[in-house]
Amino acid sequence: MAALFLVNFVRFVLIGLEVLIFARVLLSWVDPAGRGGIARFVVQTTEPLLAPVRRLLPRTGMFDLSPLVVLLVLGAILRAVG
């Protein structure tokens, strides 16, 4: 029973992170400076995941591919978990 709870909790957290990263991508089109309260929360929550990946990836001009890479990794972990 505890193992099932743990698996569901991990899946819930991973899906929540995916939603936040997707929201960050959408917010980058609407409010790139992140001036709103929700935008600040999304940026502060996702930046610890995106910054290390952004440093590893080569520069691609104005495109930031780090959300795509993080979403792919989170999706792979989500599939492996359950």
Protein backbone atom coordinates (compact mmCIF):
# COMPACT_ATOMS: atom_id res chain seq x y z
CA MET A 1 0.00 0.00 0.00
CA ALA A 2 2.81 2.42 0.87
CA ALA A 3 4.61 1.62 -2.38
CA LEU A 4 1.52 2.48 -4.39
CA PHE A 5 1.19 5.78 -2.54
CA LEU A 6 4.85 6.58 -3.22
CA VAL A 7 4.53 5.80 -6.93
CA ASN A 8 1.41 7.94 -7.23
CA PHE A 9 3.05 10.79 -5.33
CA VAL A 10 6.13 10.72 -7.59
CA ARG A 11 3.90 10.66 -10.68
CA PHE A 12 1.90 13.61 -9.30
CA VAL A 13 5.08 15.64 -8.71
CA LEU A 14 6.47 14.84 -12.16
CA ILE A 15 3.22 15.79 -13.89
CA GLY A 16 3.13 19.01 -11.85
CA LEU A 17 6.66 19.87 -12.98
CA GLU A 18 5.72 19.19 -16.59
CA VAL A 19 2.73 21.53 -16.30
CA LEU A 20 4.89 24.25 -14.72
CA ILE A 21 7.52 23.99 -17.47
CA PHE A 22 4.83 24.13 -20.13
CA ALA A 23 3.37 27.19 -18.38
CA ARG A 24 6.83 28.78 -18.40
CA VAL A 25 7.08 28.29 -22.15
CA LEU A 26 3.67 29.89 -22.65
CA LEU A 27 4.51 32.73 -20.28
CA SER A 28 7.71 33.45 -22.21
CA TRP A 29 5.50 34.45 -25.14
CA VAL A 30 3.03 36.49 -23.09
CA ASP A 31 5.12 37.97 -20.26
CA PRO A 32 8.84 37.41 -20.99
CA ALA A 33 9.96 39.64 -18.11
CA GLY A 34 7.88 37.67 -15.57
CA ARG A 35 6.40 40.71 -13.86
CA GLY A 36 3.22 39.08 -12.56
CA GLY A 37 2.96 37.10 -9.35
CA ILE A 38 2.10 33.84 -11.08
CA ALA A 39 4.87 34.38 -13.62
CA ARG A 40 7.41 34.96 -10.86
CA PHE A 41 6.29 31.77 -9.10
CA VAL A 42 6.58 29.72 -12.29
CA VAL A 43 10.03 31.13 -13.10
CA GLN A 44 11.35 30.60 -9.57
CA THR A 45 10.00 27.04 -9.51
CA THR A 46 11.33 25.95 -12.90
CA GLU A 47 14.65 27.78 -13.04
CA PRO A 48 16.51 25.24 -10.83
CA LEU A 49 15.62 22.56 -13.41
CA LEU A 50 16.22 24.60 -16.55
CA ALA A 51 19.42 26.50 -15.67
CA PRO A 52 21.79 23.48 -15.53
CA VAL A 53 20.42 22.13 -18.81
CA ARG A 54 20.71 25.58 -20.40
CA ARG A 55 24.40 25.71 -19.43
CA LEU A 56 25.06 22.29 -21.02
CA LEU A 57 23.32 22.99 -24.32
CA PRO A 58 25.07 24.93 -27.09
CA ARG A 59 23.77 28.42 -27.89
CA THR A 60 21.00 28.34 -30.50
CA GLY A 61 20.41 32.04 -30.94
CA MET A 62 17.08 33.20 -29.61
CA PHE A 63 15.71 29.69 -29.04
CA ASP A 64 15.94 28.09 -25.60
CA LEU A 65 15.79 24.32 -25.96
CA SER A 66 16.21 23.55 -22.26
CA PRO A 67 12.44 23.20 -21.60
CA LEU A 68 12.21 20.61 -24.37
CA VAL A 69 15.11 18.60 -22.95
CA VAL A 70 13.72 18.75 -19.40
CA LEU A 71 10.24 17.74 -20.60
CA LEU A 72 11.71 14.76 -22.46
CA VAL A 73 13.67 13.66 -19.39
CA LEU A 74 10.67 14.10 -17.08
CA GLY A 75 8.51 12.13 -19.54
CA ALA A 76 11.04 9.30 -19.60
CA ILE A 77 11.17 9.22 -15.80
CA LEU A 78 7.38 9.28 -15.65
CA ARG A 79 7.15 6.31 -18.00
CA ALA A 80 9.78 4.42 -16.01
CA VAL A 81 7.98 5.05 -12.72
CA GLY A 82 4.62 3.85 -13.71
